[in-house]
Amino acid sequence: MPPRELADAVSRAGIGYFSLTDHDICDGWEELEPRLKELRIRYLYGIELSTSLHDNLHILGYGLNLKDPVFLARLEAFRARRLERIKKIIGLLKAQGLEISFEELNTAAGRSYGRPHIADLMQSKGFVRTRQKAFEKYIAYGKPAYSPPLGPNIEEAIKTVKDAGGIAVLAHPGVVYKILELAKWKEMGLDGIEAFYPAHTQVLTREFLELAKTHGLLVTAGTDYHGPGSGRGELYGFEFYEEFFGPLKEMFLGGS
């Protein structure tokens, strides 16, 4: 979704505090920021780093210095690892008799690519009916064309965010509930936990709020919006609770 259109969608949804957290890339902010200012929406520069521990173990970064050359170089290296994983998956798909090539993805410099792009290509070639079917049949964990993630480990991801002046937050903890090691990750520099998330039940949300208190972590909220037709295409906000989100208010830029 073009960044300017995303800003307009955020405004229509009535969201007042916003961050774009693309995977391993921050380029959308150049177009997005001016429009957010026009719309008087408060915002935080953001990123979502995919780690090597688990497909869904992601570290969010907020309040980053987007001009830090070391940070940008690390992101470029992470995106290169993503391409290596894609090549491995394509090799496994070929072994399954699916004629698909890396060149067909039309990868471009300065873009971030992952399994959804492979799934969409498979759909366009008629190998599967939907993106979800590509995952379910071929490229999800345990399926014949699955290849493990090659991103940074958790400590490296946290350090990448912190070195760029940001705060590091564990994304969608309910998805990785069985492998949570908050005390250990807190020692590595983890600052917060995304307690408010669409897939979290009220019971689970309360548990994460208690864990945040126990470990001295900030609390954040996110919808994990991926855009129209992605399966995560509903954009909405969460009620602002001073108790939980108050400490973050001063970090936001722009607004009225």
C-alpha atoms as a PDB file:
ATOM      1  CA  MET A   1       0.000   0.000   0.000  1.00  0.00           C
ATOM      2  CA  PRO A   2       1.525   3.364  -0.956  1.00  0.00           C
ATOM      3  CA  PRO A   3       2.592   5.256   2.183  1.00  0.00           C
ATOM      4  CA  ARG A   4       0.477   8.322   1.425  1.00  0.00           C
ATOM      5  CA  GLU A   5      -2.621   6.135   1.038  1.00  0.00           C
ATOM      6  CA  LEU A   6      -1.747   4.434   4.312  1.00  0.00           C
ATOM      7  CA  ALA A   7      -1.686   7.812   6.073  1.00  0.00           C
ATOM      8  CA  ASP A   8      -5.138   8.607   4.680  1.00  0.00           C
ATOM      9  CA  ALA A   9      -6.443   5.216   5.845  1.00  0.00           C
ATOM     10  CA  VAL A  10      -5.007   5.870   9.317  1.00  0.00           C
ATOM     11  CA  SER A  11      -6.835   9.198   9.420  1.00  0.00           C
ATOM     12  CA  ARG A  12     -10.141   7.636   8.320  1.00  0.00           C
ATOM     13  CA  ALA A  13      -9.772   5.023  11.066  1.00  0.00           C
ATOM     14  CA  GLY A  14      -9.524   7.794  13.664  1.00  0.00           C
ATOM     15  CA  ILE A  15      -6.055   6.751  14.825  1.00  0.00           C
ATOM     16  CA  GLY A  16      -4.210   9.500  16.695  1.00  0.00           C
ATOM     17  CA  TYR A  17      -0.923   7.754  17.579  1.00  0.00           C
ATOM     18  CA  PHE A  18       0.684   5.780  14.768  1.00  0.00           C
ATOM     19  CA  SER A  19       3.810   3.974  13.650  1.00  0.00           C
ATOM     20  CA  LEU A  20       4.711   2.173  10.440  1.00  0.00           C
ATOM     21  CA  THR A  21       6.755  -0.930  11.262  1.00  0.00           C
ATOM     22  CA  ASP A  22       7.683  -2.630   8.003  1.00  0.00           C
ATOM     23  CA  HIS A  23       9.894  -5.706   8.148  1.00  0.00           C
ATOM     24  CA  ASP A  24      13.600  -4.838   8.025  1.00  0.00           C
ATOM     25  CA  ILE A  25      13.094  -1.561   6.150  1.00  0.00           C
ATOM     26  CA  CYS A  26      12.159   2.074   6.914  1.00  0.00           C
ATOM     27  CA  ASP A  27      11.901   3.580   3.444  1.00  0.00           C
ATOM     28  CA  GLY A  28       8.150   4.284   3.604  1.00  0.00           C
ATOM     29  CA  TRP A  29       8.664   7.144   6.021  1.00  0.00           C
ATOM     30  CA  GLU A  30       9.977   9.551   3.371  1.00  0.00           C
ATOM     31  CA  GLU A  31       6.563   9.703   1.704  1.00  0.00           C
ATOM     32  CA  LEU A  32       4.514   8.939   4.806  1.00  0.00           C
ATOM     33  CA  GLU A  33       5.789  11.599   7.207  1.00  0.00           C
ATOM     34  CA  PRO A  34       4.718  14.727   5.268  1.00  0.00           C
ATOM     35  CA  ARG A  35       1.188  13.365   4.895  1.00  0.00           C
ATOM     36  CA  LEU A  36       0.962  12.472   8.601  1.00  0.00           C
ATOM     37  CA  LYS A  37       1.957  16.045   9.415  1.00  0.00           C
ATOM     38  CA  GLU A  38      -0.737  17.398   7.097  1.00  0.00           C
ATOM     39  CA  LEU A  39      -3.291  15.179   8.832  1.00  0.00           C
ATOM     40  CA  ARG A  40      -1.992  16.141  12.306  1.00  0.00           C
ATOM     41  CA  ILE A  41      -1.440  12.517  13.308  1.00  0.00           C
ATOM     42  CA  ARG A  42       1.224  11.922  15.942  1.00  0.00           C
ATOM     43  CA  TYR A  43       3.775   9.329  14.873  1.00  0.00           C
ATOM     44  CA  LEU A  44       6.879   7.381  15.825  1.00  0.00           C
ATOM     45  CA  TYR A  45       9.518   6.130  13.398  1.00  0.00           C
ATOM     46  CA  GLY A  46       9.350   2.347  13.499  1.00  0.00           C
ATOM     47  CA  ILE A  47      10.690  -0.975  12.261  1.00  0.00           C
ATOM     48  CA  GLU A  48       9.914  -4.680  12.759  1.00  0.00           C
ATOM     49  CA  LEU A  49      12.903  -7.018  12.770  1.00  0.00           C
ATOM     50  CA  SER A  50      12.402 -10.702  11.999  1.00  0.00           C
ATOM     51  CA  THR A  51      14.655 -12.895  14.127  1.00  0.00           C
ATOM     52  CA  SER A  52      16.188 -16.287  13.424  1.00  0.00           C
ATOM     53  CA  LEU A  53      14.719 -17.949  16.526  1.00  0.00           C
ATOM     54  CA  HIS A  54      11.188 -18.356  15.185  1.00  0.00           C
ATOM     55  CA  ASP A  55       9.183 -17.248  12.156  1.00  0.00           C
ATOM     56  CA  ASN A  56       6.993 -15.122  14.416  1.00  0.00           C
ATOM     57  CA  LEU A  57       9.572 -13.892  16.936  1.00  0.00           C
ATOM     58  CA  HIS A  58       9.808 -10.238  15.914  1.00  0.00           C
ATOM     59  CA  ILE A  59      11.318  -7.205  17.620  1.00  0.00           C
ATOM     60  CA  LEU A  60       9.658  -3.849  17.076  1.00  0.00           C
ATOM     61  CA  GLY A  61      11.734  -0.685  17.210  1.00  0.00           C
ATOM     62  CA  TYR A  62      10.252   2.755  17.958  1.00  0.00           C
ATOM     63  CA  GLY A  63      11.770   6.240  18.046  1.00  0.00           C
ATOM     64  CA  LEU A  64      14.674   5.400  15.725  1.00  0.00           C
ATOM     65  CA  ASN A  65      17.278   7.579  14.078  1.00  0.00           C
ATOM     66  CA  LEU A  66      16.486   6.761  10.457  1.00  0.00           C
ATOM     67  CA  LYS A  67      19.647   8.487   9.219  1.00  0.00           C
ATOM     68  CA  ASP A  68      22.053   6.395  11.285  1.00  0.00           C
ATOM     69  CA  PRO A  69      24.392   4.816   8.680  1.00  0.00           C
ATOM     70  CA  VAL A  70      25.218   1.825  10.894  1.00  0.00           C
ATOM     71  CA  PHE A  71      21.518   1.111  11.395  1.00  0.00           C
ATOM     72  CA  LEU A  72      20.786   1.369   7.663  1.00  0.00           C
ATOM     73  CA  ALA A  73      23.723  -0.931   6.831  1.00  0.00           C
ATOM     74  CA  ARG A  74      22.446  -3.536   9.284  1.00  0.00           C
ATOM     75  CA  LEU A  75      18.984  -3.416   7.727  1.00  0.00           C
ATOM     76  CA  GLU A  76      20.493  -3.901   4.288  1.00  0.00           C
ATOM     77  CA  ALA A  77      22.352  -6.970   5.571  1.00  0.00           C
ATOM     78  CA  PHE A  78      19.138  -8.360   7.106  1.00  0.00           C
ATOM     79  CA  ARG A  79      17.300  -7.914   3.805  1.00  0.00           C
ATOM     80  CA  ALA A  80      20.111  -9.746   2.005  1.00  0.00           C
ATOM     81  CA  ARG A  81      19.606 -12.667   4.403  1.00  0.00           C
ATOM     82  CA  ARG A  82      15.915 -12.621   3.477  1.00  0.00           C
ATOM     83  CA  LEU A  83      16.827 -13.059  -0.185  1.00  0.00           C
ATOM     84  CA  GLU A  84      19.055 -16.013   0.655  1.00  0.00           C
ATOM     85  CA  ARG A  85      16.146 -17.659   2.422  1.00  0.00           C
ATOM     86  CA  ILE A  86      13.882 -17.007  -0.563  1.00  0.00           C
ATOM     87  CA  LYS A  87      16.395 -18.709  -2.875  1.00  0.00           C
ATOM     88  CA  LYS A  88      16.457 -21.762  -0.609  1.00  0.00           C
ATOM     89  CA  ILE A  89      12.660 -21.948  -0.554  1.00  0.00           C
ATOM     90  CA  ILE A  90      12.480 -21.673  -4.344  1.00  0.00           C
ATOM     91  CA  GLY A  91      14.959 -24.534  -4.617  1.00  0.00           C
ATOM     92  CA  LEU A  92      12.726 -26.651  -2.392  1.00  0.00           C
ATOM     93  CA  LEU A  93       9.663 -25.737  -4.452  1.00  0.00           C
ATOM     94  CA  LYS A  94      11.448 -26.838  -7.600  1.00  0.00           C
ATOM     95  CA  ALA A  95      12.153 -30.157  -5.896  1.00  0.00           C
ATOM     96  CA  GLN A  96       8.385 -30.447  -5.452  1.00  0.00           C
ATOM     97  CA  GLY A  97       7.932 -30.046  -9.202  1.00  0.00           C
ATOM     98  CA  LEU A  98       6.848 -26.399  -9.125  1.00  0.00           C
ATOM     99  CA  GLU A  99       8.570 -24.389 -11.829  1.00  0.00           C
ATOM    100  CA  ILE A 100       9.311 -21.089 -10.181  1.00  0.00           C
ATOM    101  CA  SER A 101      12.391 -18.879 -10.392  1.00  0.00           C
ATOM    102  CA  PHE A 102      13.969 -16.202  -8.233  1.00  0.00           C
ATOM    103  CA  GLU A 103      14.019 -13.832 -11.219  1.00  0.00           C
ATOM    104  CA  GLU A 104      10.217 -13.954 -11.452  1.00  0.00           C
ATOM    105  CA  LEU A 105       9.977 -12.121  -8.128  1.00  0.00           C
ATOM    106  CA  ASN A 106      11.496  -9.042  -9.790  1.00  0.00           C
ATOM    107  CA  THR A 107      13.316  -8.114  -6.610  1.00  0.00           C
ATOM    108  CA  ALA A 108      14.555  -4.534  -6.448  1.00  0.00           C
ATOM    109  CA  ALA A 109      17.240  -2.918  -4.324  1.00  0.00           C
ATOM    110  CA  GLY A 110      15.960  -1.130  -1.256  1.00  0.00           C
ATOM    111  CA  ARG A 111      12.926  -3.389  -0.870  1.00  0.00           C
ATOM    112  CA  SER A 112      12.188  -6.112   1.664  1.00  0.00           C
ATOM    113  CA  TYR A 113      11.028  -9.538   0.488  1.00  0.00           C
ATOM    114  CA  GLY A 114       9.695 -12.578   2.295  1.00  0.00           C
ATOM    115  CA  ARG A 115       7.530 -15.670   2.028  1.00  0.00           C
ATOM    116  CA  PRO A 116       4.317 -13.727   1.226  1.00  0.00           C
ATOM    117  CA  HIS A 117       5.933 -12.600  -2.031  1.00  0.00           C
ATOM    118  CA  ILE A 118       6.667 -16.213  -2.935  1.00  0.00           C
ATOM    119  CA  ALA A 119       3.101 -17.161  -2.038  1.00  0.00           C
ATOM    120  CA  ASP A 120       1.691 -14.398  -4.242  1.00  0.00           C
ATOM    121  CA  LEU A 121       3.874 -15.536  -7.150  1.00  0.00           C
ATOM    122  CA  MET A 122       2.695 -19.116  -6.667  1.00  0.00           C
ATOM    123  CA  GLN A 123      -0.895 -17.882  -6.745  1.00  0.00           C
ATOM    124  CA  SER A 124      -0.296 -15.869  -9.924  1.00  0.00           C
ATOM    125  CA  LYS A 125       1.097 -18.982 -11.613  1.00  0.00           C
ATOM    126  CA  GLY A 126      -1.905 -21.059 -10.603  1.00  0.00           C
ATOM    127  CA  PHE A 127      -0.078 -23.403  -8.219  1.00  0.00           C
ATOM    128  CA  VAL A 128      -2.368 -22.419  -5.335  1.00  0.00           C
ATOM    129  CA  ARG A 129      -5.666 -20.579  -5.016  1.00  0.00           C
ATOM    130  CA  THR A 130      -4.644 -18.168  -2.270  1.00  0.00           C
ATOM    131  CA  ARG A 131      -1.602 -16.869  -0.401  1.00  0.00           C
ATOM    132  CA  GLN A 132      -2.760 -18.809   2.670  1.00  0.00           C
ATOM    133  CA  LYS A 133      -2.896 -22.076   0.696  1.00  0.00           C
ATOM    134  CA  ALA A 134       0.711 -21.590  -0.380  1.00  0.00           C
ATOM    135  CA  PHE A 135       1.713 -21.432   3.263  1.00  0.00           C
ATOM    136  CA  GLU A 136      -0.515 -24.301   4.352  1.00  0.00           C
ATOM    137  CA  LYS A 137       0.636 -26.666   1.617  1.00  0.00           C
ATOM    138  CA  TYR A 138       4.251 -25.693   0.922  1.00  0.00           C
ATOM    139  CA  ILE A 139       6.097 -22.933   2.799  1.00  0.00           C
ATOM    140  CA  ALA A 140       4.871 -22.924   6.418  1.00  0.00           C
ATOM    141  CA  TYR A 141       6.890 -24.590   9.174  1.00  0.00           C
ATOM    142  CA  GLY A 142       6.954 -28.361   8.680  1.00  0.00           C
ATOM    143  CA  LYS A 143       5.883 -28.194   5.031  1.00  0.00           C
ATOM    144  CA  PRO A 144       8.035 -29.509   2.156  1.00  0.00           C
ATOM    145  CA  ALA A 145       9.371 -26.125   0.978  1.00  0.00           C
ATOM    146  CA  TYR A 146       9.972 -24.599   4.409  1.00  0.00           C
ATOM    147  CA  SER A 147      13.361 -23.086   5.145  1.00  0.00           C
ATOM    148  CA  PRO A 148      14.215 -21.557   8.561  1.00  0.00           C
ATOM    149  CA  PRO A 149      14.550 -17.759   8.924  1.00  0.00           C
ATOM    150  CA  LEU A 150      18.030 -16.272   8.539  1.00  0.00           C
ATOM    151  CA  GLY A 151      17.488 -13.005  10.375  1.00  0.00           C
ATOM    152  CA  PRO A 152      19.422 -11.705  13.383  1.00  0.00           C
ATOM    153  CA  ASN A 153      19.192 -13.470  16.720  1.00  0.00           C
ATOM    154  CA  ILE A 154      17.142 -11.748  19.422  1.00  0.00           C
ATOM    155  CA  GLU A 155      20.096 -10.045  21.072  1.00  0.00           C
ATOM    156  CA  GLU A 156      21.324  -8.727  17.720  1.00  0.00           C
ATOM    157  CA  ALA A 157      17.844  -7.440  16.839  1.00  0.00           C
ATOM    158  CA  ILE A 158      17.472  -5.664  20.181  1.00  0.00           C
ATOM    159  CA  LYS A 159      20.958  -4.168  19.879  1.00  0.00           C
ATOM    160  CA  THR A 160      20.182  -2.937  16.352  1.00  0.00           C
ATOM    161  CA  VAL A 161      17.170  -1.002  17.659  1.00  0.00           C
ATOM    162  CA  LYS A 162      18.950   0.337  20.738  1.00  0.00           C
ATOM    163  CA  ASP A 163      22.045   1.424  18.814  1.00  0.00           C
ATOM    164  CA  ALA A 164      19.745   3.473  16.554  1.00  0.00           C
ATOM    165  CA  GLY A 165      18.363   5.302  19.591  1.00  0.00           C
ATOM    166  CA  GLY A 166      15.085   3.399  19.729  1.00  0.00           C
ATOM    167  CA  ILE A 167      13.162   1.302  22.218  1.00  0.00           C
ATOM    168  CA  ALA A 168      12.900  -2.448  21.564  1.00  0.00           C
ATOM    169  CA  VAL A 169       9.497  -4.105  21.958  1.00  0.00           C
ATOM    170  CA  LEU A 170       8.467  -7.746  21.634  1.00  0.00           C
ATOM    171  CA  ALA A 171       5.818  -8.005  18.906  1.00  0.00           C
ATOM    172  CA  HIS A 172       2.633 -10.113  19.265  1.00  0.00           C
ATOM    173  CA  PRO A 173       3.835 -12.155  22.294  1.00  0.00           C
ATOM    174  CA  GLY A 174       0.765 -14.386  22.199  1.00  0.00           C
ATOM    175  CA  VAL A 175       1.979 -15.884  18.926  1.00  0.00           C
ATOM    176  CA  VAL A 176       5.241 -16.990  20.575  1.00  0.00           C
ATOM    177  CA  TYR A 177       3.827 -17.632  24.039  1.00  0.00           C
ATOM    178  CA  LYS A 178       5.440 -21.071  24.394  1.00  0.00           C
ATOM    179  CA  ILE A 179       8.978 -19.746  23.923  1.00  0.00           C
ATOM    180  CA  LEU A 180       8.789 -16.525  25.949  1.00  0.00           C
ATOM    181  CA  GLU A 181      11.900 -15.720  27.983  1.00  0.00           C
ATOM    182  CA  LEU A 182      11.149 -12.174  29.053  1.00  0.00           C
ATOM    183  CA  ALA A 183      13.651 -12.045  31.918  1.00  0.00           C
ATOM    184  CA  LYS A 184      16.442 -13.129  29.591  1.00  0.00           C
ATOM    185  CA  TRP A 185      15.419 -10.720  26.842  1.00  0.00           C
ATOM    186  CA  LYS A 186      15.044  -7.887  29.343  1.00  0.00           C
ATOM    187  CA  GLU A 187      18.711  -8.434  30.270  1.00  0.00           C
ATOM    188  CA  MET A 188      19.526  -8.097  26.572  1.00  0.00           C
ATOM    189  CA  GLY A 189      17.868  -4.671  26.542  1.00  0.00           C
ATOM    190  CA  LEU A 190      14.218  -5.375  25.719  1.00  0.00           C
ATOM    191  CA  ASP A 191      12.163  -2.309  26.693  1.00  0.00           C
ATOM    192  CA  GLY A 192       8.559  -3.324  26.107  1.00  0.00           C
ATOM    193  CA  ILE A 193       5.902  -5.830  25.138  1.00  0.00           C
ATOM    194  CA  GLU A 194       2.991  -5.501  22.692  1.00  0.00           C
ATOM    195  CA  ALA A 195       0.287  -6.540  25.147  1.00  0.00           C
ATOM    196  CA  PHE A 196      -2.600  -5.138  23.092  1.00  0.00           C
ATOM    197  CA  TYR A 197      -2.936  -7.128  19.862  1.00  0.00           C
ATOM    198  CA  PRO A 198      -5.976  -8.358  17.852  1.00  0.00           C
ATOM    199  CA  ALA A 199      -5.358 -12.078  18.439  1.00  0.00           C
ATOM    200  CA  HIS A 200      -4.904 -11.688  22.204  1.00  0.00           C
ATOM    201  CA  THR A 201      -7.866 -12.650  24.352  1.00  0.00           C
ATOM    202  CA  GLN A 202      -8.739 -10.439  27.323  1.00  0.00           C
ATOM    203  CA  VAL A 203      -7.247 -13.061  29.622  1.00  0.00           C
ATOM    204  CA  LEU A 204      -4.013 -13.134  27.635  1.00  0.00           C
ATOM    205  CA  THR A 205      -3.831  -9.349  27.492  1.00  0.00           C
ATOM    206  CA  ARG A 206      -4.171  -9.135  31.267  1.00  0.00           C
ATOM    207  CA  GLU A 207      -1.438 -11.735  31.651  1.00  0.00           C
ATOM    208  CA  PHE A 208       0.924  -9.717  29.445  1.00  0.00           C
ATOM    209  CA  LEU A 209       0.129  -6.558  31.393  1.00  0.00           C
ATOM    210  CA  GLU A 210       1.101  -8.373  34.588  1.00  0.00           C
ATOM    211  CA  LEU A 211       4.270  -9.707  32.971  1.00  0.00           C
ATOM    212  CA  ALA A 212       5.145  -6.192  31.826  1.00  0.00           C
ATOM    213  CA  LYS A 213       4.778  -4.972  35.402  1.00  0.00           C
ATOM    214  CA  THR A 214       6.819  -7.884  36.759  1.00  0.00           C
ATOM    215  CA  HIS A 215       9.702  -7.330  34.353  1.00  0.00           C
ATOM    216  CA  GLY A 216       9.577  -3.549  34.245  1.00  0.00           C
ATOM    217  CA  LEU A 217       8.575  -3.392  30.571  1.00  0.00           C
ATOM    218  CA  LEU A 218       6.684  -0.707  28.674  1.00  0.00           C
ATOM    219  CA  VAL A 219       3.353  -1.659  27.112  1.00  0.00           C
ATOM    220  CA  THR A 220       2.443  -1.003  23.462  1.00  0.00           C
ATOM    221  CA  ALA A 221      -0.448  -1.787  21.112  1.00  0.00           C
ATOM    222  CA  GLY A 222      -0.535  -2.771  17.459  1.00  0.00           C
ATOM    223  CA  THR A 223      -2.960  -4.127  14.859  1.00  0.00           C
ATOM    224  CA  ASP A 224      -0.346  -5.837  12.652  1.00  0.00           C
ATOM    225  CA  TYR A 225      -2.066  -4.312   9.636  1.00  0.00           C
ATOM    226  CA  HIS A 226      -0.626  -5.702   6.379  1.00  0.00           C
ATOM    227  CA  GLY A 227      -2.830  -3.971   3.804  1.00  0.00           C
ATOM    228  CA  PRO A 228      -5.827  -4.898   1.628  1.00  0.00           C
ATOM    229  CA  GLY A 229      -6.070  -8.524   0.524  1.00  0.00           C
ATOM    230  CA  SER A 230      -3.364  -9.684   2.924  1.00  0.00           C
ATOM    231  CA  GLY A 231      -5.578 -11.488   5.409  1.00  0.00           C
ATOM    232  CA  ARG A 232      -4.681  -8.739   7.908  1.00  0.00           C
ATOM    233  CA  GLY A 233      -6.499  -5.913   6.229  1.00  0.00           C
ATOM    234  CA  GLU A 234      -8.469  -4.358   9.074  1.00  0.00           C
ATOM    235  CA  LEU A 235      -7.092  -1.037  10.267  1.00  0.00           C
ATOM    236  CA  TYR A 236      -8.299   0.356  13.580  1.00  0.00           C
ATOM    237  CA  GLY A 237      -7.015   1.839  16.812  1.00  0.00           C
ATOM    238  CA  PHE A 238      -6.968   0.889  20.482  1.00  0.00           C
ATOM    239  CA  GLU A 239      -8.365   3.048  23.266  1.00  0.00           C
ATOM    240  CA  PHE A 240      -5.611   5.156  24.787  1.00  0.00           C
ATOM    241  CA  TYR A 241      -4.967   4.241  28.421  1.00  0.00           C
ATOM    242  CA  GLU A 242      -2.720   6.710  30.205  1.00  0.00           C
ATOM    243  CA  GLU A 243      -1.739   3.961  32.641  1.00  0.00           C
ATOM    244  CA  PHE A 244      -0.194   1.844  29.881  1.00  0.00           C
ATOM    245  CA  PHE A 245       0.652   4.163  26.988  1.00  0.00           C
ATOM    246  CA  GLY A 246       1.340   7.364  28.942  1.00  0.00           C
ATOM    247  CA  PRO A 247       5.129   6.878  29.204  1.00  0.00           C
ATOM    248  CA  LEU A 248       5.337   6.747  25.393  1.00  0.00           C
ATOM    249  CA  LYS A 249       3.421   9.967  24.651  1.00  0.00           C
ATOM    250  CA  GLU A 250       6.431  12.252  24.735  1.00  0.00           C
ATOM    251  CA  MET A 251       8.235  10.148  22.127  1.00  0.00           C
ATOM    252  CA  PHE A 252       5.676  10.888  19.419  1.00  0.00           C
ATOM    253  CA  LEU A 253       6.355  13.513  16.756  1.00  0.00           C
ATOM    254  CA  GLY A 254       3.982  15.772  14.860  1.00  0.00           C
ATOM    255  CA  GLY A 255       0.341  16.102  15.802  1.00  0.00           C
ATOM    256  CA  SER A 256      -1.681  19.177  16.649  1.00  0.00           C
END
